[in-house]
Amino acid sequence: MILNTVHTKIKEGKKLFAVLIDPDKFPKENLLKIITAMETANPDLILVGGSLVASKIEQVVQILKENLSVPVILFPGNLLQLTPNADGILFISLISGRNPELLIGNHVASAPFIKESGMEVLSTGYVLIDGGTTTSVEYMSQTKPIPASKTEIAVATAMAGEMLGQKLIYLEGGSGAQSPVPVDMISAVKENISIPLIVGGGLNTKEKVQEACEAGADIIVVGNAFEKDLSLLKDFKAVVDSY
């Protein structure tokens, strides 16, 4: 079970490194290069999904599973980004927004398919934080992010997510964010929840990854950062493994 593994590593004092693959950005030849880089970096988790159509979602998941032994988890941006071949799915509620489709609507529509697939369901409270620019997530979800200066709102939102039964909280700066989630916000949220904390968006240097880890992130997610420099995967993994 993926969630059991996450809890076990956190109890051992470890942190996890997750690589986000957006199928819209990676044709097959580029994906194979990333797989080679991941064989060296050895991430703990692979997330697959994006904010657009991601019509190649099933092909990408199949290629990843054929070439790697790392758990492949769907990170769907919409109902088209589903395939029964994944190991699990982040069953995301966008709890920082007030779009009913992303709070419960899409979940109702997809629940029968997900249950039949047998994949592990990882209920996740998704909290979008302003990263200094309008991100794809903000535009496509039609929701406003929590201002980076409003730590108390982020904390209350994360607490509510846990109280509602979410198993993970995901603080997201958004794909291509100019600034990552502030470290004081990460720390405050971590201090007020008892479930694993995922942090992603804007983590494009080793220093930023280190700061997020030190602030309390349990799972670090990187996506855009490695697209032009695959060597960063190994560097980021080394930082996460140092904890």
C-alpha atoms as a PDB file:
ATOM      1  CA  MET A   1       0.000   0.000   0.000  1.00  0.00           C
ATOM      2  CA  ILE A   2       1.382   3.370  -1.035  1.00  0.00           C
ATOM      3  CA  LEU A   3      -0.004   5.325   1.909  1.00  0.00           C
ATOM      4  CA  ASN A   4       1.337   2.762   4.376  1.00  0.00           C
ATOM      5  CA  THR A   5       4.790   3.118   2.822  1.00  0.00           C
ATOM      6  CA  VAL A   6       4.570   6.912   3.123  1.00  0.00           C
ATOM      7  CA  HIS A   7       3.651   6.673   6.808  1.00  0.00           C
ATOM      8  CA  THR A   8       6.398   4.140   7.486  1.00  0.00           C
ATOM      9  CA  LYS A   9       9.097   6.324   5.959  1.00  0.00           C
ATOM     10  CA  ILE A  10       7.881   9.407   7.813  1.00  0.00           C
ATOM     11  CA  LYS A  11       7.890   7.488  11.127  1.00  0.00           C
ATOM     12  CA  GLU A  12      11.498   6.529  10.357  1.00  0.00           C
ATOM     13  CA  GLY A  13      12.320  10.225  10.032  1.00  0.00           C
ATOM     14  CA  LYS A  14      12.648  10.091   6.260  1.00  0.00           C
ATOM     15  CA  LYS A  15      11.205  12.311   3.554  1.00  0.00           C
ATOM     16  CA  LEU A  16      10.009  11.292   0.096  1.00  0.00           C
ATOM     17  CA  PHE A  17      10.824  12.620  -3.352  1.00  0.00           C
ATOM     18  CA  ALA A  18       8.154  12.615  -6.068  1.00  0.00           C
ATOM     19  CA  VAL A  19       8.586  13.438  -9.756  1.00  0.00           C
ATOM     20  CA  LEU A  20       5.638  14.971 -11.607  1.00  0.00           C
ATOM     21  CA  ILE A  21       5.247  13.994 -15.261  1.00  0.00           C
ATOM     22  CA  ASP A  22       2.887  16.078 -17.409  1.00  0.00           C
ATOM     23  CA  PRO A  23       1.938  13.913 -20.438  1.00  0.00           C
ATOM     24  CA  ASP A  24       1.171  17.007 -22.518  1.00  0.00           C
ATOM     25  CA  LYS A  25       4.828  18.022 -22.313  1.00  0.00           C
ATOM     26  CA  PHE A  26       6.590  14.734 -22.968  1.00  0.00           C
ATOM     27  CA  PRO A  27       6.492  12.861 -26.268  1.00  0.00           C
ATOM     28  CA  LYS A  28       7.673   9.256 -26.048  1.00  0.00           C
ATOM     29  CA  GLU A  29      11.312   9.979 -26.918  1.00  0.00           C
ATOM     30  CA  ASN A  30      11.610  12.601 -24.167  1.00  0.00           C
ATOM     31  CA  LEU A  31       9.871  10.335 -21.697  1.00  0.00           C
ATOM     32  CA  LEU A  32      12.448   7.616 -22.278  1.00  0.00           C
ATOM     33  CA  LYS A  33      15.221  10.098 -21.455  1.00  0.00           C
ATOM     34  CA  ILE A  34      13.456  10.997 -18.226  1.00  0.00           C
ATOM     35  CA  ILE A  35      13.094   7.318 -17.363  1.00  0.00           C
ATOM     36  CA  THR A  36      16.851   6.883 -17.741  1.00  0.00           C
ATOM     37  CA  ALA A  37      17.418   9.848 -15.428  1.00  0.00           C
ATOM     38  CA  MET A  38      14.923   8.484 -12.901  1.00  0.00           C
ATOM     39  CA  GLU A  39      16.672   5.117 -12.861  1.00  0.00           C
ATOM     40  CA  THR A  40      19.672   6.990 -11.472  1.00  0.00           C
ATOM     41  CA  ALA A  41      17.762   9.380  -9.207  1.00  0.00           C
ATOM     42  CA  ASN A  42      15.427   6.646  -7.913  1.00  0.00           C
ATOM     43  CA  PRO A  43      12.446   8.778  -6.813  1.00  0.00           C
ATOM     44  CA  ASP A  44      10.031   7.394  -4.238  1.00  0.00           C
ATOM     45  CA  LEU A  45       6.908   8.227  -6.238  1.00  0.00           C
ATOM     46  CA  ILE A  46       5.923   9.262  -9.758  1.00  0.00           C
ATOM     47  CA  LEU A  47       2.905  11.507 -10.244  1.00  0.00           C
ATOM     48  CA  VAL A  48       1.287  11.710 -13.676  1.00  0.00           C
ATOM     49  CA  GLY A  49      -1.092  14.474 -14.699  1.00  0.00           C
ATOM     50  CA  GLY A  50      -1.454  18.105 -15.702  1.00  0.00           C
ATOM     51  CA  SER A  51      -3.837  20.997 -16.045  1.00  0.00           C
ATOM     52  CA  LEU A  52      -4.768  20.413 -19.705  1.00  0.00           C
ATOM     53  CA  VAL A  53      -6.168  17.461 -21.625  1.00  0.00           C
ATOM     54  CA  ALA A  54      -3.279  15.000 -21.209  1.00  0.00           C
ATOM     55  CA  SER A  55      -4.679  12.706 -23.903  1.00  0.00           C
ATOM     56  CA  LYS A  56      -1.595  10.483 -23.667  1.00  0.00           C
ATOM     57  CA  ILE A  57      -2.167   9.647 -20.003  1.00  0.00           C
ATOM     58  CA  GLU A  58      -2.689   5.899 -20.526  1.00  0.00           C
ATOM     59  CA  GLN A  59       0.333   5.555 -22.816  1.00  0.00           C
ATOM     60  CA  VAL A  60       2.581   7.474 -20.432  1.00  0.00           C
ATOM     61  CA  VAL A  61       1.520   5.421 -17.409  1.00  0.00           C
ATOM     62  CA  GLN A  62       2.068   2.186 -19.326  1.00  0.00           C
ATOM     63  CA  ILE A  63       5.584   3.204 -20.413  1.00  0.00           C
ATOM     64  CA  LEU A  64       6.524   4.251 -16.887  1.00  0.00           C
ATOM     65  CA  LYS A  65       5.293   1.007 -15.352  1.00  0.00           C
ATOM     66  CA  GLU A  66       7.051  -1.091 -17.994  1.00  0.00           C
ATOM     67  CA  ASN A  67      10.403   0.560 -17.295  1.00  0.00           C
ATOM     68  CA  LEU A  68      10.378   1.460 -13.588  1.00  0.00           C
ATOM     69  CA  SER A  69       9.407  -0.205 -10.318  1.00  0.00           C
ATOM     70  CA  VAL A  70       8.415   3.092  -8.680  1.00  0.00           C
ATOM     71  CA  PRO A  71       4.707   3.509  -7.780  1.00  0.00           C
ATOM     72  CA  VAL A  72       2.890   5.506 -10.480  1.00  0.00           C
ATOM     73  CA  ILE A  73       0.132   7.717  -9.080  1.00  0.00           C
ATOM     74  CA  LEU A  74      -2.417   9.694 -11.069  1.00  0.00           C
ATOM     75  CA  PHE A  75      -2.515  13.425 -10.314  1.00  0.00           C
ATOM     76  CA  PRO A  76      -5.564  14.257 -12.455  1.00  0.00           C
ATOM     77  CA  GLY A  77      -6.409  17.765 -13.553  1.00  0.00           C
ATOM     78  CA  ASN A  78      -9.728  16.622 -15.029  1.00  0.00           C
ATOM     79  CA  LEU A  79     -11.884  13.573 -15.699  1.00  0.00           C
ATOM     80  CA  LEU A  80     -10.017  12.747 -18.914  1.00  0.00           C
ATOM     81  CA  GLN A  81      -6.839  11.988 -16.979  1.00  0.00           C
ATOM     82  CA  LEU A  82      -7.843   8.567 -15.711  1.00  0.00           C
ATOM     83  CA  THR A  83      -6.506   5.122 -16.508  1.00  0.00           C
ATOM     84  CA  PRO A  84      -6.932   1.844 -14.583  1.00  0.00           C
ATOM     85  CA  ASN A  85      -3.265   0.975 -15.109  1.00  0.00           C
ATOM     86  CA  ALA A  86      -1.890   3.311 -12.426  1.00  0.00           C
ATOM     87  CA  ASP A  87      -0.983   2.062  -8.960  1.00  0.00           C
ATOM     88  CA  GLY A  88      -2.906   4.807  -7.208  1.00  0.00           C
ATOM     89  CA  ILE A  89      -4.629   8.151  -7.564  1.00  0.00           C
ATOM     90  CA  LEU A  90      -4.500  11.396  -5.638  1.00  0.00           C
ATOM     91  CA  PHE A  91      -8.245  11.811  -5.115  1.00  0.00           C
ATOM     92  CA  ILE A  92      -7.991  15.576  -4.917  1.00  0.00           C
ATOM     93  CA  SER A  93     -10.408  18.043  -3.380  1.00  0.00           C
ATOM     94  CA  LEU A  94      -9.381  21.631  -4.159  1.00  0.00           C
ATOM     95  CA  ILE A  95     -10.190  22.806  -0.640  1.00  0.00           C
ATOM     96  CA  SER A  96      -8.632  26.252  -1.101  1.00  0.00           C
ATOM     97  CA  GLY A  97     -11.216  27.041  -3.797  1.00  0.00           C
ATOM     98  CA  ARG A  98     -14.978  27.140  -3.959  1.00  0.00           C
ATOM     99  CA  ASN A  99     -15.545  25.447  -7.306  1.00  0.00           C
ATOM    100  CA  PRO A 100     -18.090  22.699  -6.486  1.00  0.00           C
ATOM    101  CA  GLU A 101     -16.901  20.495  -9.364  1.00  0.00           C
ATOM    102  CA  LEU A 102     -13.451  20.314  -7.798  1.00  0.00           C
ATOM    103  CA  LEU A 103     -14.786  19.854  -4.277  1.00  0.00           C
ATOM    104  CA  ILE A 104     -17.184  16.971  -4.998  1.00  0.00           C
ATOM    105  CA  GLY A 105     -18.629  17.064  -8.537  1.00  0.00           C
ATOM    106  CA  ASN A 106     -15.800  15.361 -10.419  1.00  0.00           C
ATOM    107  CA  HIS A 107     -15.369  12.904  -7.568  1.00  0.00           C
ATOM    108  CA  VAL A 108     -18.930  11.640  -7.898  1.00  0.00           C
ATOM    109  CA  ALA A 109     -18.523  11.240 -11.655  1.00  0.00           C
ATOM    110  CA  SER A 110     -15.248   9.342 -11.385  1.00  0.00           C
ATOM    111  CA  ALA A 111     -15.886   7.226  -8.265  1.00  0.00           C
ATOM    112  CA  PRO A 112     -17.398   4.163 -10.046  1.00  0.00           C
ATOM    113  CA  PHE A 113     -14.505   4.010 -12.517  1.00  0.00           C
ATOM    114  CA  ILE A 114     -11.891   4.371  -9.780  1.00  0.00           C
ATOM    115  CA  LYS A 115     -13.498   1.724  -7.559  1.00  0.00           C
ATOM    116  CA  GLU A 116     -13.690  -0.752 -10.429  1.00  0.00           C
ATOM    117  CA  SER A 117     -10.050  -0.112 -11.353  1.00  0.00           C
ATOM    118  CA  GLY A 118      -8.831  -1.317  -7.971  1.00  0.00           C
ATOM    119  CA  MET A 119      -6.153   1.367  -7.757  1.00  0.00           C
ATOM    120  CA  GLU A 120      -5.277   2.763  -4.332  1.00  0.00           C
ATOM    121  CA  VAL A 121      -7.189   5.939  -3.501  1.00  0.00           C
ATOM    122  CA  LEU A 122      -5.202   8.646  -1.704  1.00  0.00           C
ATOM    123  CA  SER A 123      -7.661  11.282  -0.496  1.00  0.00           C
ATOM    124  CA  THR A 124      -5.842  14.607  -0.765  1.00  0.00           C
ATOM    125  CA  GLY A 125      -6.739  18.100   0.368  1.00  0.00           C
ATOM    126  CA  TYR A 126      -5.253  20.358  -2.310  1.00  0.00           C
ATOM    127  CA  VAL A 127      -4.366  23.896  -1.245  1.00  0.00           C
ATOM    128  CA  LEU A 128      -3.324  26.320  -3.973  1.00  0.00           C
ATOM    129  CA  ILE A 129      -0.958  29.094  -2.832  1.00  0.00           C
ATOM    130  CA  ASP A 130      -0.154  32.247  -4.814  1.00  0.00           C
ATOM    131  CA  GLY A 131       3.260  31.737  -6.403  1.00  0.00           C
ATOM    132  CA  GLY A 132       3.594  35.201  -7.904  1.00  0.00           C
ATOM    133  CA  THR A 133       2.046  34.490 -11.304  1.00  0.00           C
ATOM    134  CA  THR A 134      -1.191  33.138 -12.750  1.00  0.00           C
ATOM    135  CA  THR A 135      -0.638  29.387 -13.041  1.00  0.00           C
ATOM    136  CA  SER A 136      -2.374  26.801 -15.202  1.00  0.00           C
ATOM    137  CA  VAL A 137      -4.002  25.349 -12.096  1.00  0.00           C
ATOM    138  CA  GLU A 138      -5.525  28.691 -11.156  1.00  0.00           C
ATOM    139  CA  TYR A 139      -6.802  29.346 -14.669  1.00  0.00           C
ATOM    140  CA  MET A 140      -8.199  25.882 -15.330  1.00  0.00           C
ATOM    141  CA  SER A 141      -9.758  25.456 -11.879  1.00  0.00           C
ATOM    142  CA  GLN A 142     -11.342  28.918 -11.962  1.00  0.00           C
ATOM    143  CA  THR A 143     -10.336  29.457  -8.340  1.00  0.00           C
ATOM    144  CA  LYS A 144      -8.146  32.005  -6.603  1.00  0.00           C
ATOM    145  CA  PRO A 145      -5.063  30.868  -4.701  1.00  0.00           C
ATOM    146  CA  ILE A 146      -4.530  31.718  -1.053  1.00  0.00           C
ATOM    147  CA  PRO A 147      -2.216  34.767  -0.822  1.00  0.00           C
ATOM    148  CA  ALA A 148       1.311  33.795   0.197  1.00  0.00           C
ATOM    149  CA  SER A 149       1.086  36.212   3.135  1.00  0.00           C
ATOM    150  CA  LYS A 150      -2.075  34.625   4.562  1.00  0.00           C
ATOM    151  CA  THR A 151      -0.522  31.798   6.532  1.00  0.00           C
ATOM    152  CA  GLU A 152      -3.437  31.606   8.941  1.00  0.00           C
ATOM    153  CA  ILE A 153      -5.865  30.898   6.087  1.00  0.00           C
ATOM    154  CA  ALA A 154      -3.654  28.123   4.733  1.00  0.00           C
ATOM    155  CA  VAL A 155      -3.386  26.595   8.203  1.00  0.00           C
ATOM    156  CA  ALA A 156      -7.139  26.698   8.809  1.00  0.00           C
ATOM    157  CA  THR A 157      -7.774  25.234   5.352  1.00  0.00           C
ATOM    158  CA  ALA A 158      -5.354  22.360   5.943  1.00  0.00           C
ATOM    159  CA  MET A 159      -6.850  21.690   9.374  1.00  0.00           C
ATOM    160  CA  ALA A 160     -10.334  21.579   7.865  1.00  0.00           C
ATOM    161  CA  GLY A 161      -9.125  19.158   5.199  1.00  0.00           C
ATOM    162  CA  GLU A 162      -7.796  16.779   7.829  1.00  0.00           C
ATOM    163  CA  MET A 163     -10.987  17.084   9.877  1.00  0.00           C
ATOM    164  CA  LEU A 164     -13.000  16.206   6.765  1.00  0.00           C
ATOM    165  CA  GLY A 165     -11.022  12.971   6.462  1.00  0.00           C
ATOM    166  CA  GLN A 166      -8.333  13.785   3.914  1.00  0.00           C
ATOM    167  CA  LYS A 167      -5.288  11.516   4.240  1.00  0.00           C
ATOM    168  CA  LEU A 168      -2.785  13.969   2.723  1.00  0.00           C
ATOM    169  CA  ILE A 169      -2.478  17.744   2.457  1.00  0.00           C
ATOM    170  CA  TYR A 170      -0.853  19.180  -0.668  1.00  0.00           C
ATOM    171  CA  LEU A 171       0.448  22.766  -0.567  1.00  0.00           C
ATOM    172  CA  GLU A 172       0.858  23.763  -4.216  1.00  0.00           C
ATOM    173  CA  GLY A 173       2.517  26.855  -5.638  1.00  0.00           C
ATOM    174  CA  GLY A 174       1.354  25.850  -9.112  1.00  0.00           C
ATOM    175  CA  SER A 175       3.254  24.730 -12.197  1.00  0.00           C
ATOM    176  CA  GLY A 176       5.745  27.413 -13.206  1.00  0.00           C
ATOM    177  CA  ALA A 177       5.328  29.375  -9.978  1.00  0.00           C
ATOM    178  CA  GLN A 178       7.794  32.232  -9.609  1.00  0.00           C
ATOM    179  CA  SER A 179       8.033  31.611  -5.874  1.00  0.00           C
ATOM    180  CA  PRO A 180       7.560  28.384  -3.908  1.00  0.00           C
ATOM    181  CA  VAL A 181       5.231  28.046  -0.945  1.00  0.00           C
ATOM    182  CA  PRO A 182       6.745  30.215   1.853  1.00  0.00           C
ATOM    183  CA  VAL A 183       8.702  28.265   4.444  1.00  0.00           C
ATOM    184  CA  ASP A 184       6.839  29.856   7.340  1.00  0.00           C
ATOM    185  CA  MET A 185       3.563  28.678   5.819  1.00  0.00           C
ATOM    186  CA  ILE A 186       4.909  25.136   5.392  1.00  0.00           C
ATOM    187  CA  SER A 187       6.052  25.105   9.018  1.00  0.00           C
ATOM    188  CA  ALA A 188       2.771  26.464  10.364  1.00  0.00           C
ATOM    189  CA  VAL A 189       0.680  23.967   8.409  1.00  0.00           C
ATOM    190  CA  LYS A 190       2.909  21.071   9.460  1.00  0.00           C
ATOM    191  CA  GLU A 191       2.595  22.051  13.115  1.00  0.00           C
ATOM    192  CA  ASN A 192      -1.195  21.994  12.916  1.00  0.00           C
ATOM    193  CA  ILE A 193      -1.904  18.742  11.082  1.00  0.00           C
ATOM    194  CA  SER A 194      -1.051  15.131  11.832  1.00  0.00           C
ATOM    195  CA  ILE A 195      -1.206  13.766   8.286  1.00  0.00           C
ATOM    196  CA  PRO A 196       1.598  13.809   5.669  1.00  0.00           C
ATOM    197  CA  LEU A 197       2.308  17.145   4.004  1.00  0.00           C
ATOM    198  CA  ILE A 198       3.125  17.352   0.288  1.00  0.00           C
ATOM    199  CA  VAL A 199       4.764  20.517  -1.077  1.00  0.00           C
ATOM    200  CA  GLY A 200       5.284  21.383  -4.750  1.00  0.00           C
ATOM    201  CA  GLY A 201       5.520  24.271  -7.183  1.00  0.00           C
ATOM    202  CA  GLY A 202       8.486  26.578  -7.695  1.00  0.00           C
ATOM    203  CA  LEU A 203      11.017  24.159  -6.202  1.00  0.00           C
ATOM    204  CA  ASN A 204      13.606  24.652  -8.935  1.00  0.00           C
ATOM    205  CA  THR A 205      16.887  24.724  -6.990  1.00  0.00           C
ATOM    206  CA  LYS A 206      18.549  22.506  -4.406  1.00  0.00           C
ATOM    207  CA  GLU A 207      18.359  25.359  -1.928  1.00  0.00           C
ATOM    208  CA  LYS A 208      14.588  25.695  -2.285  1.00  0.00           C
ATOM    209  CA  VAL A 209      14.114  21.950  -1.941  1.00  0.00           C
ATOM    210  CA  GLN A 210      16.246  21.997   1.195  1.00  0.00           C
ATOM    211  CA  GLU A 211      14.281  24.893   2.671  1.00  0.00           C
ATOM    212  CA  ALA A 212      10.978  23.105   2.052  1.00  0.00           C
ATOM    213  CA  CYS A 213      12.323  19.955   3.715  1.00  0.00           C
ATOM    214  CA  GLU A 214      13.606  21.859   6.719  1.00  0.00           C
ATOM    215  CA  ALA A 215      10.275  23.673   7.051  1.00  0.00           C
ATOM    216  CA  GLY A 216       8.427  20.379   7.433  1.00  0.00           C
ATOM    217  CA  ALA A 217       7.434  19.020   4.014  1.00  0.00           C
ATOM    218  CA  ASP A 218       7.139  15.223   4.109  1.00  0.00           C
ATOM    219  CA  ILE A 219       6.926  14.751   0.336  1.00  0.00           C
ATOM    220  CA  ILE A 220       8.680  17.032  -2.162  1.00  0.00           C
ATOM    221  CA  VAL A 221       7.224  17.243  -5.682  1.00  0.00           C
ATOM    222  CA  VAL A 222       9.202  18.632  -8.628  1.00  0.00           C
ATOM    223  CA  GLY A 223       8.016  18.994 -12.203  1.00  0.00           C
ATOM    224  CA  ASN A 224       9.007  21.961 -14.357  1.00  0.00           C
ATOM    225  CA  ALA A 225      12.444  22.277 -12.768  1.00  0.00           C
ATOM    226  CA  PHE A 226      13.963  19.194 -14.385  1.00  0.00           C
ATOM    227  CA  GLU A 227      12.504  19.588 -17.880  1.00  0.00           C
ATOM    228  CA  LYS A 228      15.599  21.380 -19.209  1.00  0.00           C
ATOM    229  CA  ASP A 229      18.165  19.765 -16.933  1.00  0.00           C
ATOM    230  CA  LEU A 230      17.565  16.124 -16.031  1.00  0.00           C
ATOM    231  CA  SER A 231      20.613  16.076 -13.748  1.00  0.00           C
ATOM    232  CA  LEU A 232      18.552  18.069 -11.247  1.00  0.00           C
ATOM    233  CA  LEU A 233      16.563  14.929 -10.454  1.00  0.00           C
ATOM    234  CA  LYS A 234      19.602  13.284  -8.898  1.00  0.00           C
ATOM    235  CA  ASP A 235      20.568  16.499  -7.101  1.00  0.00           C
ATOM    236  CA  PHE A 236      17.093  16.995  -5.628  1.00  0.00           C
ATOM    237  CA  LYS A 237      16.833  13.365  -4.558  1.00  0.00           C
ATOM    238  CA  ALA A 238      20.169  13.661  -2.761  1.00  0.00           C
ATOM    239  CA  VAL A 239      18.869  16.660  -0.814  1.00  0.00           C
ATOM    240  CA  VAL A 240      15.669  14.849   0.197  1.00  0.00           C
ATOM    241  CA  ASP A 241      17.604  11.692   1.145  1.00  0.00           C
ATOM    242  CA  SER A 242      19.882  13.713   3.427  1.00  0.00           C
ATOM    243  CA  TYR A 243      17.032  13.990   5.947  1.00  0.00           C
END
